[in-house]
Amino acid sequence: MKSQLTACIRKWLITCSLAILCGSCRSQPAQPHEPWLREPRAHSDYLHLSGGTLVDQSRIFEVQTNSEARAEDILASTSVRELTSEEAERMAGHQIGAKEGYAPFLVRGLYNSKMAGAWRIYELGEKLQVGFFSMGTKPQVPHRQALVLLLKKRPVEVCTFCGVIN
């Protein structure tokens, strides 16, 4: 009982801190020339506010520079595609390690400035939200970054956005 209460309190604290964090950040404004940008329709649609699970950093791999063009070609008409283990390791540039029950997926991502930011990726059911938040004073033109994610199943809906934390 005590451990359940502790876990519940911890989850509530994390959710509150993320809500405060997102309340003080500005999402990247929609840019018609950037087809990878797909924000949630409403503030309440952000998965961290509705019970989504944060994807552990050990399951997130950035596609290396020499594989970016290939990754963008693959993601030209879809926001997510399942990969073989060999494809995933080639794109990530290193072994990603097999995790029981997980498969590698190539997913669209956007960022403003990697120097002072982090990926915040949430999943809930068949939804996936790929967000990158960085420190700064104003949103900039987003940059594409394909990612290899280890997921339990292929998401049906993928939102991709980035924001600036003031």
Foldseek 3Di string as FASTA:
>chain_A
DVVVVVVVVVLVVVLVVVVVQVVQKDWDPDDPVDPQAFADPDPCPPCSNVPWDWADPLFKAWFDPVCVVVLCVVPVPHFKDFDQQVVQCNRRVHHSDDDPLWTKMKGKEKEQDPPAKDWTWTDDDLEIETEIEGEDDDGDPIDIIIMIGIDNDHRPYYHYIYIYRD
